[in-house]
């Protein structure tokens, strides 16, 4: 076997191994191809804690209190949850900042959903 044939064989084997490892890891780790961030102004309508080992929070948010559309966000920071719950009790209109990145660990996802994570409150 020549050096070129040997190198081609190694490249093919490494390529196959990368594909075999990459696909399951992306499914398990939560890797996504989309990256979003933005702001949403409205009212917190509900919060609920989820998860058995890694506790996160589902936060339900409406642009208008009379609206039937409700969006779901994820929160992993307990300090943000406290602020959101206080704003919910006071029916205070707030602007949340949210993001969903290229790499989302499963423990940062709420209820196994693909909801964006609240990163801050204005």
PDB file of N, CA and C in Angstrom:
ATOM      1  N   UNK A   1       0.854  -1.173   0.000  1.00  0.00           N
ATOM      2  CA  UNK A   1       0.000   0.000   0.000  1.00  0.00           C
ATOM      3  C   UNK A   1       0.898   1.234   0.000  1.00  0.00           C
ATOM      4  N   UNK A   2       0.617   2.146  -0.905  1.00  0.00           N
ATOM      5  CA  UNK A   2       1.434   3.352  -1.010  1.00  0.00           C
ATOM      6  C   UNK A   2       1.009   4.352   0.063  1.00  0.00           C
ATOM      7  N   UNK A   3       1.847   5.352   0.236  1.00  0.00           N
ATOM      8  CA  UNK A   3       1.576   6.394   1.229  1.00  0.00           C
ATOM      9  C   UNK A   3       0.278   7.125   0.914  1.00  0.00           C
ATOM     10  N   UNK A   4       0.001   7.429  -0.343  1.00  0.00           N
ATOM     11  CA  UNK A   4      -1.228   8.139  -0.735  1.00  0.00           C
ATOM     12  C   UNK A   4      -2.456   7.282  -0.448  1.00  0.00           C
ATOM     13  N   UNK A   5      -2.411   6.012  -0.765  1.00  0.00           N
ATOM     14  CA  UNK A   5      -3.544   5.111  -0.478  1.00  0.00           C
ATOM     15  C   UNK A   5      -3.776   5.017   1.021  1.00  0.00           C
ATOM     16  N   UNK A   6      -2.704   4.961   1.776  1.00  0.00           N
ATOM     17  CA  UNK A   6      -2.801   4.879   3.236  1.00  0.00           C
ATOM     18  C   UNK A   6      -3.441   6.146   3.791  1.00  0.00           C
ATOM     19  N   UNK A   7      -3.013   7.335   3.319  1.00  0.00           N
ATOM     20  CA  UNK A   7      -3.582   8.600   3.788  1.00  0.00           C
ATOM     21  C   UNK A   7      -5.057   8.729   3.401  1.00  0.00           C
ATOM     22  N   UNK A   8      -5.420   8.320   2.199  1.00  0.00           N
ATOM     23  CA  UNK A   8      -6.817   8.362   1.764  1.00  0.00           C
ATOM     24  C   UNK A   8      -7.668   7.456   2.649  1.00  0.00           C
ATOM     25  N   UNK A   9      -7.157   6.276   2.960  1.00  0.00           N
ATOM     26  CA  UNK A   9      -7.884   5.350   3.837  1.00  0.00           C
ATOM     27  C   UNK A   9      -8.121   5.961   5.212  1.00  0.00           C
ATOM     28  N   UNK A  10      -7.114   6.612   5.758  1.00  0.00           N
ATOM     29  CA  UNK A  10      -7.248   7.242   7.081  1.00  0.00           C
ATOM     30  C   UNK A  10      -8.268   8.379   7.033  1.00  0.00           C
ATOM     31  N   UNK A  11      -8.227   9.196   5.995  1.00  0.00           N
ATOM     32  CA  UNK A  11      -9.180  10.307   5.857  1.00  0.00           C
ATOM     33  C   UNK A  11     -10.604   9.767   5.749  1.00  0.00           C
ATOM     34  N   UNK A  12     -10.816   8.719   5.006  1.00  0.00           N
ATOM     35  CA  UNK A  12     -12.156   8.127   4.864  1.00  0.00           C
ATOM     36  C   UNK A  12     -12.638   7.568   6.198  1.00  0.00           C
ATOM     37  N   UNK A  13     -11.787   6.847   6.901  1.00  0.00           N
ATOM     38  CA  UNK A  13     -12.168   6.276   8.201  1.00  0.00           C
ATOM     39  C   UNK A  13     -12.479   7.388   9.191  1.00  0.00           C
ATOM     40  N   UNK A  14     -11.645   8.424   9.249  1.00  0.00           N
ATOM     41  CA  UNK A  14     -11.902   9.544  10.162  1.00  0.00           C
ATOM     42  C   UNK A  14     -13.198  10.266   9.798  1.00  0.00           C
ATOM     43  N   UNK A  15     -13.467  10.427   8.522  1.00  0.00           N
ATOM     44  CA  UNK A  15     -14.711  11.061   8.083  1.00  0.00           C
ATOM     45  C   UNK A  15     -15.931  10.272   8.523  1.00  0.00           C
ATOM     46  N   UNK A  16     -15.879   8.964   8.349  1.00  0.00           N
ATOM     47  CA  UNK A  16     -16.996   8.109   8.765  1.00  0.00           C
ATOM     48  C   UNK A  16     -17.172   8.169  10.283  1.00  0.00           C
ATOM     49  N   UNK A  17     -16.076   8.120  11.035  1.00  0.00           N
ATOM     50  CA  UNK A  17     -16.161   8.206  12.502  1.00  0.00           C
ATOM     51  C   UNK A  17     -16.742   9.548  12.946  1.00  0.00           C
ATOM     52  N   UNK A  18     -16.344  10.621  12.291  1.00  0.00           N
ATOM     53  CA  UNK A  18     -16.879  11.936  12.652  1.00  0.00           C
ATOM     54  C   UNK A  18     -18.384  11.992  12.431  1.00  0.00           C
ATOM     55  N   UNK A  19     -18.859  11.429  11.325  1.00  0.00           N
ATOM     56  CA  UNK A  19     -20.299  11.414  11.042  1.00  0.00           C
ATOM     57  C   UNK A  19     -21.027  10.554  12.076  1.00  0.00           C
ATOM     58  N   UNK A  20     -20.468   9.400  12.395  1.00  0.00           N
ATOM     59  CA  UNK A  20     -21.100   8.498  13.359  1.00  0.00           C
ATOM     60  C   UNK A  20     -21.176   9.143  14.739  1.00  0.00           C
ATOM     61  N   UNK A  21     -20.162   9.900  15.116  1.00  0.00           N
ATOM     62  CA  UNK A  21     -20.141  10.546  16.434  1.00  0.00           C
ATOM     63  C   UNK A  21     -20.933  11.849  16.411  1.00  0.00           C
ATOM     64  N   UNK A  22     -20.838  12.640  15.342  1.00  0.00           N
ATOM     65  CA  UNK A  22     -21.451  13.965  15.279  1.00  0.00           C
ATOM     66  C   UNK A  22     -22.971  13.915  15.351  1.00  0.00           C
ATOM     67  N   UNK A  23     -23.594  13.042  14.608  1.00  0.00           N
ATOM     68  CA  UNK A  23     -25.058  13.003  14.560  1.00  0.00           C
ATOM     69  C   UNK A  23     -25.668  12.688  15.930  1.00  0.00           C
ATOM     70  N   UNK A  24     -25.253  11.626  16.629  1.00  0.00           N
ATOM     71  CA  UNK A  24     -25.829  11.389  17.955  1.00  0.00           C
ATOM     72  C   UNK A  24     -25.510  12.492  18.960  1.00  0.00           C
ATOM     73  N   UNK A  25     -24.310  13.045  18.914  1.00  0.00           N
ATOM     74  CA  UNK A  25     -23.963  14.115  19.851  1.00  0.00           C
ATOM     75  C   UNK A  25     -24.819  15.354  19.633  1.00  0.00           C
ATOM     76  N   UNK A  26     -25.097  15.703  18.394  1.00  0.00           N
ATOM     77  CA  UNK A  26     -25.938  16.877  18.150  1.00  0.00           C
ATOM     78  C   UNK A  26     -27.366  16.634  18.609  1.00  0.00           C
ATOM     79  N   UNK A  27     -27.836  15.407  18.481  1.00  0.00           N
ATOM     80  CA  UNK A  27     -29.201  15.102  18.926  1.00  0.00           C
ATOM     81  C   UNK A  27     -29.291  15.142  20.450  1.00  0.00           C
ATOM     82  N   UNK A  28     -28.273  14.654  21.127  1.00  0.00           N
ATOM     83  CA  UNK A  28     -28.277  14.611  22.589  1.00  0.00           C
ATOM     84  C   UNK A  28     -27.981  15.976  23.185  1.00  0.00           C
ATOM     85  N   UNK A  29     -27.042  16.698  22.608  1.00  0.00           N
ATOM     86  CA  UNK A  29     -26.568  17.942  23.211  1.00  0.00           C
ATOM     87  C   UNK A  29     -27.487  19.122  22.982  1.00  0.00           C
ATOM     88  N   UNK A  30     -28.340  19.086  21.988  1.00  0.00           N
ATOM     89  CA  UNK A  30     -29.229  20.201  21.724  1.00  0.00           C
ATOM     90  C   UNK A  30     -28.681  21.188  20.718  1.00  0.00           C
ATOM     91  N   UNK A  31     -27.697  20.817  19.948  1.00  0.00           N
ATOM     92  CA  UNK A  31     -27.142  21.699  18.919  1.00  0.00           C
ATOM     93  C   UNK A  31     -28.234  22.069  17.926  1.00  0.00           C
ATOM     94  N   UNK A  32     -28.353  23.345  17.640  1.00  0.00           N
ATOM     95  CA  UNK A  32     -29.342  23.793  16.666  1.00  0.00           C
ATOM     96  C   UNK A  32     -28.661  24.602  15.577  1.00  0.00           C
ATOM     97  N   UNK A  33     -29.282  24.693  14.437  1.00  0.00           N
ATOM     98  CA  UNK A  33     -28.722  25.463  13.334  1.00  0.00           C
ATOM     99  C   UNK A  33     -29.235  26.891  13.313  1.00  0.00           C
ATOM    100  N   UNK A  34     -30.150  27.226  14.197  1.00  0.00           N
ATOM    101  CA  UNK A  34     -30.679  28.583  14.229  1.00  0.00           C
ATOM    102  C   UNK A  34     -30.108  29.339  15.410  1.00  0.00           C
ATOM    103  N   UNK A  35     -29.963  30.622  15.238  1.00  0.00           N
ATOM    104  CA  UNK A  35     -29.501  31.482  16.320  1.00  0.00           C
ATOM    105  C   UNK A  35     -30.384  32.712  16.311  1.00  0.00           C
ATOM    106  N   UNK A  36     -31.106  32.932  17.391  1.00  0.00           N
ATOM    107  CA  UNK A  36     -32.020  34.064  17.449  1.00  0.00           C
ATOM    108  C   UNK A  36     -31.826  34.840  18.735  1.00  0.00           C
ATOM    109  N   UNK A  37     -32.169  36.095  18.698  1.00  0.00           N
ATOM    110  CA  UNK A  37     -32.221  36.913  19.906  1.00  0.00           C
ATOM    111  C   UNK A  37     -33.192  38.042  19.626  1.00  0.00           C
ATOM    112  N   UNK A  38     -33.751  38.575  20.685  1.00  0.00           N
ATOM    113  CA  UNK A  38     -34.691  39.660  20.492  1.00  0.00           C
ATOM    114  C   UNK A  38     -35.291  40.122  21.798  1.00  0.00           C
ATOM    115  N   UNK A  39     -36.321  40.931  21.661  1.00  0.00           N
ATOM    116  CA  UNK A  39     -37.037  41.463  22.810  1.00  0.00           C
ATOM    117  C   UNK A  39     -38.531  41.276  22.589  1.00  0.00           C
ATOM    118  N   UNK A  40     -39.262  41.169  23.683  1.00  0.00           N
ATOM    119  CA  UNK A  40     -40.709  40.982  23.630  1.00  0.00           C
ATOM    120  C   UNK A  40     -41.292  41.796  24.784  1.00  0.00           C
ATOM    121  N   UNK A  41     -42.209  42.680  24.482  1.00  0.00           N
ATOM    122  CA  UNK A  41     -42.843  43.507  25.499  1.00  0.00           C
ATOM    123  C   UNK A  41     -44.237  42.968  25.781  1.00  0.00           C
ATOM    124  N   UNK A  42     -44.556  42.847  27.054  1.00  0.00           N
ATOM    125  CA  UNK A  42     -45.870  42.346  27.427  1.00  0.00           C
ATOM    126  C   UNK A  42     -45.953  42.007  28.896  1.00  0.00           C
ATOM    127  N   UNK A  43     -46.730  40.963  29.189  1.00  0.00           N
ATOM    128  CA  UNK A  43     -47.062  40.607  30.566  1.00  0.00           C
ATOM    129  C   UNK A  43     -46.772  39.131  30.818  1.00  0.00           C
ATOM    130  N   UNK A  44     -46.215  38.838  31.984  1.00  0.00           N
ATOM    131  CA  UNK A  44     -46.024  37.452  32.404  1.00  0.00           C
ATOM    132  C   UNK A  44     -47.366  36.943  32.895  1.00  0.00           C
ATOM    133  N   UNK A  45     -47.808  35.810  32.355  1.00  0.00           N
ATOM    134  CA  UNK A  45     -49.094  35.259  32.773  1.00  0.00           C
ATOM    135  C   UNK A  45     -48.943  34.060  33.696  1.00  0.00           C
ATOM    136  N   UNK A  46     -47.811  33.361  33.614  1.00  0.00           N
ATOM    137  CA  UNK A  46     -47.615  32.193  34.477  1.00  0.00           C
ATOM    138  C   UNK A  46     -46.146  31.792  34.485  1.00  0.00           C
ATOM    139  N   UNK A  47     -45.745  31.178  35.579  1.00  0.00           N
ATOM    140  CA  UNK A  47     -44.416  30.568  35.676  1.00  0.00           C
ATOM    141  C   UNK A  47     -44.593  29.197  36.303  1.00  0.00           C
ATOM    142  N   UNK A  48     -43.812  28.240  35.826  1.00  0.00           N
ATOM    143  CA  UNK A  48     -43.861  26.914  36.448  1.00  0.00           C
ATOM    144  C   UNK A  48     -42.487  26.282  36.382  1.00  0.00           C
ATOM    145  N   UNK A  49     -42.107  25.651  37.480  1.00  0.00           N
ATOM    146  CA  UNK A  49     -40.814  24.991  37.537  1.00  0.00           C
ATOM    147  C   UNK A  49     -40.919  23.613  36.894  1.00  0.00           C
ATOM    148  N   UNK A  50     -39.902  23.264  36.123  1.00  0.00           N
ATOM    149  CA  UNK A  50     -39.884  21.973  35.444  1.00  0.00           C
ATOM    150  C   UNK A  50     -38.538  21.299  35.669  1.00  0.00           C
ATOM    151  N   UNK A  51     -38.496  20.020  35.390  1.00  0.00           N
ATOM    152  CA  UNK A  51     -37.251  19.277  35.477  1.00  0.00           C
ATOM    153  C   UNK A  51     -37.146  18.479  36.758  1.00  0.00           C
ATOM    154  N   UNK A  52     -36.492  17.345  36.658  1.00  0.00           N
ATOM    155  CA  UNK A  52     -36.294  16.497  37.829  1.00  0.00           C
ATOM    156  C   UNK A  52     -34.928  16.758  38.441  1.00  0.00           C
ATOM    157  N   UNK A  53     -33.906  16.743  37.618  1.00  0.00           N
ATOM    158  CA  UNK A  53     -32.542  16.965  38.114  1.00  0.00           C
ATOM    159  C   UNK A  53     -32.128  18.411  37.896  1.00  0.00           C
ATOM    160  N   UNK A  54     -32.215  18.880  36.638  1.00  0.00           N
ATOM    161  CA  UNK A  54     -31.867  20.252  36.315  1.00  0.00           C
ATOM    162  C   UNK A  54     -33.137  21.064  36.285  1.00  0.00           C
ATOM    163  N   UNK A  55     -33.352  21.861  37.320  1.00  0.00           N
ATOM    164  CA  UNK A  55     -34.570  22.657  37.438  1.00  0.00           C
ATOM    165  C   UNK A  55     -34.475  23.901  36.557  1.00  0.00           C
ATOM    166  N   UNK A  56     -35.491  24.101  35.741  1.00  0.00           N
ATOM    167  CA  UNK A  56     -35.635  25.316  34.952  1.00  0.00           C
ATOM    168  C   UNK A  56     -37.076  25.782  35.107  1.00  0.00           C
ATOM    169  N   UNK A  57     -37.396  26.885  34.485  1.00  0.00           N
ATOM    170  CA  UNK A  57     -38.728  27.461  34.602  1.00  0.00           C
ATOM    171  C   UNK A  57     -39.317  27.712  33.225  1.00  0.00           C
ATOM    172  N   UNK A  58     -40.582  27.388  33.078  1.00  0.00           N
ATOM    173  CA  UNK A  58     -41.357  27.790  31.905  1.00  0.00           C
ATOM    174  C   UNK A  58     -42.023  29.107  32.276  1.00  0.00           C
ATOM    175  N   UNK A  59     -41.912  30.093  31.401  1.00  0.00           N
ATOM    176  CA  UNK A  59     -42.555  31.388  31.624  1.00  0.00           C
ATOM    177  C   UNK A  59     -43.480  31.648  30.442  1.00  0.00           C
ATOM    178  N   UNK A  60     -44.724  31.945  30.750  1.00  0.00           N
ATOM    179  CA  UNK A  60     -45.723  32.220  29.719  1.00  0.00           C
ATOM    180  C   UNK A  60     -45.931  33.725  29.648  1.00  0.00           C
ATOM    181  N   UNK A  61     -45.977  34.240  28.428  1.00  0.00           N
ATOM    182  CA  UNK A  61     -45.912  35.675  28.197  1.00  0.00           C
ATOM    183  C   UNK A  61     -46.914  36.083  27.120  1.00  0.00           C
ATOM    184  N   UNK A  62     -47.666  37.159  27.389  1.00  0.00           N
ATOM    185  CA  UNK A  62     -48.625  37.696  26.421  1.00  0.00           C
ATOM    186  C   UNK A  62     -48.277  39.150  26.124  1.00  0.00           C
ATOM    187  N   UNK A  63     -48.469  39.536  24.876  1.00  0.00           N
ATOM    188  CA  UNK A  63     -48.246  40.928  24.491  1.00  0.00           C
ATOM    189  C   UNK A  63     -49.320  41.819  25.102  1.00  0.00           C
ATOM    190  N   UNK A  64     -50.531  41.305  25.196  1.00  0.00           N
ATOM    191  CA  UNK A  64     -51.666  42.045  25.722  1.00  0.00           C
ATOM    192  C   UNK A  64     -52.421  41.098  26.655  1.00  0.00           C
ATOM    193  N   UNK A  65     -52.893  41.584  27.769  1.00  0.00           N
ATOM    194  CA  UNK A  65     -53.567  40.707  28.734  1.00  0.00           C
ATOM    195  C   UNK A  65     -54.844  40.086  28.178  1.00  0.00           C
ATOM    196  N   UNK A  66     -55.454  40.713  27.181  1.00  0.00           N
ATOM    197  CA  UNK A  66     -56.681  40.164  26.604  1.00  0.00           C
ATOM    198  C   UNK A  66     -56.409  39.252  25.401  1.00  0.00           C
ATOM    199  N   UNK A  67     -55.166  39.168  24.991  1.00  0.00           N
ATOM    200  CA  UNK A  67     -54.797  38.354  23.838  1.00  0.00           C
ATOM    201  C   UNK A  67     -54.944  36.870  24.143  1.00  0.00           C
ATOM    202  N   UNK A  68     -55.297  36.100  23.125  1.00  0.00           N
ATOM    203  CA  UNK A  68     -55.369  34.643  23.305  1.00  0.00           C
ATOM    204  C   UNK A  68     -54.038  33.971  22.994  1.00  0.00           C
ATOM    205  N   UNK A  69     -53.130  34.696  22.328  1.00  0.00           N
ATOM    206  CA  UNK A  69     -51.809  34.136  22.015  1.00  0.00           C
ATOM    207  C   UNK A  69     -50.889  34.279  23.215  1.00  0.00           C
ATOM    208  N   UNK A  70     -50.274  33.168  23.573  1.00  0.00           N
ATOM    209  CA  UNK A  70     -49.359  33.149  24.703  1.00  0.00           C
ATOM    210  C   UNK A  70     -48.065  32.474  24.242  1.00  0.00           C
ATOM    211  N   UNK A  71     -46.946  33.128  24.482  1.00  0.00           N
ATOM    212  CA  UNK A  71     -45.654  32.580  24.099  1.00  0.00           C
ATOM    213  C   UNK A  71     -44.976  31.972  25.322  1.00  0.00           C
ATOM    214  N   UNK A  72     -44.185  30.945  25.075  1.00  0.00           N
ATOM    215  CA  UNK A  72     -43.489  30.251  26.158  1.00  0.00           C
ATOM    216  C   UNK A  72     -41.999  30.505  26.038  1.00  0.00           C
ATOM    217  N   UNK A  73     -41.389  30.829  27.161  1.00  0.00           N
ATOM    218  CA  UNK A  73     -39.951  31.043  27.234  1.00  0.00           C
ATOM    219  C   UNK A  73     -39.378  30.169  28.346  1.00  0.00           C
ATOM    220  N   UNK A  74     -38.085  30.014  28.337  1.00  0.00           N
ATOM    221  CA  UNK A  74     -37.384  29.230  29.342  1.00  0.00           C
ATOM    222  C   UNK A  74     -36.525  30.166  30.188  1.00  0.00           C
ATOM    223  N   UNK A  75     -36.420  29.881  31.481  1.00  0.00           N
ATOM    224  CA  UNK A  75     -35.548  30.650  32.366  1.00  0.00           C
ATOM    225  C   UNK A  75     -34.764  29.665  33.215  1.00  0.00           C
ATOM    226  N   UNK A  76     -33.451  29.859  33.259  1.00  0.00           N
ATOM    227  CA  UNK A  76     -32.597  29.007  34.082  1.00  0.00           C
ATOM    228  C   UNK A  76     -32.041  29.764  35.283  1.00  0.00           C
ATOM    229  N   UNK A  77     -32.174  31.081  35.288  1.00  0.00           N
ATOM    230  CA  UNK A  77     -31.638  31.938  36.355  1.00  0.00           C
ATOM    231  C   UNK A  77     -32.728  32.223  37.386  1.00  0.00           C
ATOM    232  N   UNK A  78     -32.515  31.777  38.621  1.00  0.00           N
ATOM    233  CA  UNK A  78     -33.539  31.938  39.669  1.00  0.00           C
ATOM    234  C   UNK A  78     -33.785  33.403  40.017  1.00  0.00           C
ATOM    235  N   UNK A  79     -32.776  34.272  39.865  1.00  0.00           N
ATOM    236  CA  UNK A  79     -32.984  35.702  40.128  1.00  0.00           C
ATOM    237  C   UNK A  79     -33.956  36.303  39.118  1.00  0.00           C
ATOM    238  N   UNK A  80     -33.841  35.907  37.860  1.00  0.00           N
ATOM    239  CA  UNK A  80     -34.776  36.384  36.847  1.00  0.00           C
ATOM    240  C   UNK A  80     -36.188  35.888  37.119  1.00  0.00           C
ATOM    241  N   UNK A  81     -36.303  34.657  37.598  1.00  0.00           N
ATOM    242  CA  UNK A  81     -37.623  34.093  37.910  1.00  0.00           C
ATOM    243  C   UNK A  81     -38.294  34.920  38.994  1.00  0.00           C
ATOM    244  N   UNK A  82     -37.553  35.293  40.015  1.00  0.00           N
ATOM    245  CA  UNK A  82     -38.124  36.105  41.099  1.00  0.00           C
ATOM    246  C   UNK A  82     -38.649  37.436  40.566  1.00  0.00           C
ATOM    247  N   UNK A  83     -37.871  38.084  39.694  1.00  0.00           N
ATOM    248  CA  UNK A  83     -38.307  39.349  39.096  1.00  0.00           C
ATOM    249  C   UNK A  83     -39.557  39.154  38.236  1.00  0.00           C
ATOM    250  N   UNK A  84     -39.559  38.087  37.440  1.00  0.00           N
ATOM    251  CA  UNK A  84     -40.707  37.809  36.567  1.00  0.00           C
ATOM    252  C   UNK A  84     -41.961  37.518  37.382  1.00  0.00           C
ATOM    253  N   UNK A  85     -41.817  36.783  38.483  1.00  0.00           N
ATOM    254  CA  UNK A  85     -42.970  36.478  39.332  1.00  0.00           C
ATOM    255  C   UNK A  85     -43.511  37.749  39.992  1.00  0.00           C
ATOM    256  N   UNK A  86     -42.621  38.642  40.406  1.00  0.00           N
ATOM    257  CA  UNK A  86     -43.066  39.911  40.992  1.00  0.00           C
ATOM    258  C   UNK A  86     -43.804  40.747  39.952  1.00  0.00           C
ATOM    259  N   UNK A  87     -43.280  40.785  38.734  1.00  0.00           N
ATOM    260  CA  UNK A  87     -43.946  41.523  37.658  1.00  0.00           C
ATOM    261  C   UNK A  87     -45.300  40.904  37.319  1.00  0.00           C
ATOM    262  N   UNK A  88     -45.389  39.572  37.417  1.00  0.00           N
ATOM    263  CA  UNK A  88     -46.668  38.892  37.162  1.00  0.00           C
ATOM    264  C   UNK A  88     -47.693  39.292  38.222  1.00  0.00           C
ATOM    265  N   UNK A  89     -47.301  39.289  39.476  1.00  0.00           N
ATOM    266  CA  UNK A  89     -48.228  39.624  40.559  1.00  0.00           C
ATOM    267  C   UNK A  89     -48.701  41.068  40.468  1.00  0.00           C
ATOM    268  N   UNK A  90     -47.832  41.959  39.967  1.00  0.00           N
ATOM    269  CA  UNK A  90     -48.186  43.372  39.858  1.00  0.00           C
ATOM    270  C   UNK A  90     -48.807  43.720  38.506  1.00  0.00           C
ATOM    271  N   UNK A  91     -48.990  42.724  37.649  1.00  0.00           N
ATOM    272  CA  UNK A  91     -49.501  42.937  36.281  1.00  0.00           C
ATOM    273  C   UNK A  91     -48.735  44.050  35.581  1.00  0.00           C
ATOM    274  N   UNK A  92     -47.437  44.034  35.739  1.00  0.00           N
ATOM    275  CA  UNK A  92     -46.566  45.066  35.194  1.00  0.00           C
ATOM    276  C   UNK A  92     -46.127  44.701  33.778  1.00  0.00           C
ATOM    277  N   UNK A  93     -46.225  45.667  32.873  1.00  0.00           N
ATOM    278  CA  UNK A  93     -45.744  45.448  31.516  1.00  0.00           C
ATOM    279  C   UNK A  93     -44.217  45.578  31.528  1.00  0.00           C
ATOM    280  N   UNK A  94     -43.560  44.584  30.945  1.00  0.00           N
ATOM    281  CA  UNK A  94     -42.099  44.564  30.916  1.00  0.00           C
ATOM    282  C   UNK A  94     -41.620  44.186  29.512  1.00  0.00           C
ATOM    283  N   UNK A  95     -40.348  44.396  29.291  1.00  0.00           N
ATOM    284  CA  UNK A  95     -39.704  43.938  28.057  1.00  0.00           C
ATOM    285  C   UNK A  95     -38.657  42.916  28.449  1.00  0.00           C
ATOM    286  N   UNK A  96     -38.819  41.707  27.923  1.00  0.00           N
ATOM    287  CA  UNK A  96     -37.837  40.665  28.191  1.00  0.00           C
ATOM    288  C   UNK A  96     -36.871  40.569  27.013  1.00  0.00           C
ATOM    289  N   UNK A  97     -35.664  40.186  27.314  1.00  0.00           N
ATOM    290  CA  UNK A  97     -34.669  39.913  26.283  1.00  0.00           C
ATOM    291  C   UNK A  97     -34.507  38.403  26.239  1.00  0.00           C
ATOM    292  N   UNK A  98     -34.479  37.844  25.021  1.00  0.00           N
ATOM    293  CA  UNK A  98     -34.372  36.400  24.905  1.00  0.00           C
ATOM    294  C   UNK A  98     -33.345  36.027  23.850  1.00  0.00           C
ATOM    295  N   UNK A  99     -32.879  34.799  23.933  1.00  0.00           N
ATOM    296  CA  UNK A  99     -31.893  34.309  22.969  1.00  0.00           C
ATOM    297  C   UNK A  99     -32.010  32.802  22.841  1.00  0.00           C
ATOM    298  N   UNK A 100     -31.672  32.328  21.675  1.00  0.00           N
ATOM    299  CA  UNK A 100     -31.521  30.895  21.437  1.00  0.00           C
ATOM    300  C   UNK A 100     -30.310  30.767  20.539  1.00  0.00           C
ATOM    301  N   UNK A 101     -29.289  30.086  21.028  1.00  0.00           N
ATOM    302  CA  UNK A 101     -28.026  30.066  20.310  1.00  0.00           C
ATOM    303  C   UNK A 101     -27.787  28.808  19.521  1.00  0.00           C
ATOM    304  N   UNK A 102     -26.594  28.737  18.988  1.00  0.00           N
ATOM    305  CA  UNK A 102     -26.191  27.585  18.201  1.00  0.00           C
ATOM    306  C   UNK A 102     -25.997  26.354  19.088  1.00  0.00           C
ATOM    307  N   UNK A 103     -25.723  26.545  20.350  1.00  0.00           N
ATOM    308  CA  UNK A 103     -25.457  25.428  21.236  1.00  0.00           C
ATOM    309  C   UNK A 103     -26.352  25.558  22.462  1.00  0.00           C
ATOM    310  N   UNK A 104     -27.355  24.719  22.556  1.00  0.00           N
ATOM    311  CA  UNK A 104     -28.289  24.756  23.675  1.00  0.00           C
ATOM    312  C   UNK A 104     -28.206  23.440  24.419  1.00  0.00           C
ATOM    313  N   UNK A 105     -27.606  23.459  25.588  1.00  0.00           N
ATOM    314  CA  UNK A 105     -27.522  22.242  26.390  1.00  0.00           C
ATOM    315  C   UNK A 105     -28.928  21.834  26.818  1.00  0.00           C
ATOM    316  N   UNK A 106     -29.218  20.532  26.876  1.00  0.00           N
ATOM    317  CA  UNK A 106     -30.556  20.081  27.252  1.00  0.00           C
ATOM    318  C   UNK A 106     -31.012  20.595  28.610  1.00  0.00           C
ATOM    319  N   UNK A 107     -30.085  20.794  29.555  1.00  0.00           N
ATOM    320  CA  UNK A 107     -30.498  21.245  30.874  1.00  0.00           C
ATOM    321  C   UNK A 107     -30.967  22.687  30.852  1.00  0.00           C
ATOM    322  N   UNK A 108     -30.689  23.434  29.766  1.00  0.00           N
ATOM    323  CA  UNK A 108     -31.163  24.803  29.649  1.00  0.00           C
ATOM    324  C   UNK A 108     -32.498  24.880  28.943  1.00  0.00           C
ATOM    325  N   UNK A 109     -33.028  23.776  28.526  1.00  0.00           N
ATOM    326  CA  UNK A 109     -34.301  23.776  27.835  1.00  0.00           C
ATOM    327  C   UNK A 109     -35.409  23.424  28.821  1.00  0.00           C
ATOM    328  N   UNK A 110     -36.517  24.067  28.673  1.00  0.00           N
ATOM    329  CA  UNK A 110     -37.643  23.792  29.546  1.00  0.00           C
ATOM    330  C   UNK A 110     -38.558  22.758  28.911  1.00  0.00           C
ATOM    331  N   UNK A 111     -38.966  21.811  29.672  1.00  0.00           N
ATOM    332  CA  UNK A 111     -39.939  20.801  29.249  1.00  0.00           C
ATOM    333  C   UNK A 111     -39.565  20.143  27.922  1.00  0.00           C
ATOM    334  N   UNK A 112     -38.298  20.098  27.605  1.00  0.00           N
ATOM    335  CA  UNK A 112     -37.876  19.494  26.357  1.00  0.00           C
ATOM    336  C   UNK A 112     -38.280  20.295  25.127  1.00  0.00           C
ATOM    337  N   UNK A 113     -38.721  21.533  25.344  1.00  0.00           N
ATOM    338  CA  UNK A 113     -39.164  22.347  24.214  1.00  0.00           C
ATOM    339  C   UNK A 113     -37.991  23.118  23.619  1.00  0.00           C
ATOM    340  N   UNK A 114     -38.250  23.738  22.505  1.00  0.00           N
ATOM    341  CA  UNK A 114     -37.236  24.552  21.863  1.00  0.00           C
ATOM    342  C   UNK A 114     -37.467  26.034  22.147  1.00  0.00           C
ATOM    343  N   UNK A 115     -38.044  26.334  23.292  1.00  0.00           N
ATOM    344  CA  UNK A 115     -38.333  27.727  23.602  1.00  0.00           C
ATOM    345  C   UNK A 115     -37.048  28.501  23.860  1.00  0.00           C
ATOM    346  N   UNK A 116     -37.081  29.790  23.556  1.00  0.00           N
ATOM    347  CA  UNK A 116     -35.927  30.665  23.770  1.00  0.00           C
ATOM    348  C   UNK A 116     -35.734  30.901  25.264  1.00  0.00           C
ATOM    349  N   UNK A 117     -34.519  31.263  25.619  1.00  0.00           N
ATOM    350  CA  UNK A 117     -34.178  31.511  27.018  1.00  0.00           C
ATOM    351  C   UNK A 117     -34.247  33.005  27.304  1.00  0.00           C
ATOM    352  N   UNK A 118     -34.921  33.368  28.372  1.00  0.00           N
ATOM    353  CA  UNK A 118     -34.959  34.768  28.798  1.00  0.00           C
ATOM    354  C   UNK A 118     -33.604  35.084  29.422  1.00  0.00           C
ATOM    355  N   UNK A 119     -32.935  36.109  28.883  1.00  0.00           N
ATOM    356  CA  UNK A 119     -31.601  36.474  29.365  1.00  0.00           C
ATOM    357  C   UNK A 119     -31.595  37.743  30.185  1.00  0.00           C
ATOM    358  N   UNK A 120     -32.674  38.509  30.131  1.00  0.00           N
ATOM    359  CA  UNK A 120     -32.723  39.746  30.896  1.00  0.00           C
ATOM    360  C   UNK A 120     -34.087  40.402  30.838  1.00  0.00           C
ATOM    361  N   UNK A 121     -34.263  41.400  31.693  1.00  0.00           N
ATOM    362  CA  UNK A 121     -35.519  42.145  31.772  1.00  0.00           C
ATOM    363  C   UNK A 121     -35.172  43.627  31.722  1.00  0.00           C
ATOM    364  N   UNK A 122     -35.926  44.363  30.907  1.00  0.00           N
ATOM    365  CA  UNK A 122     -35.741  45.836  30.847  1.00  0.00           C
ATOM    366  C   UNK A 122     -36.803  46.513  31.657  1.00  0.00           C
TER     367      UNK A 122
END
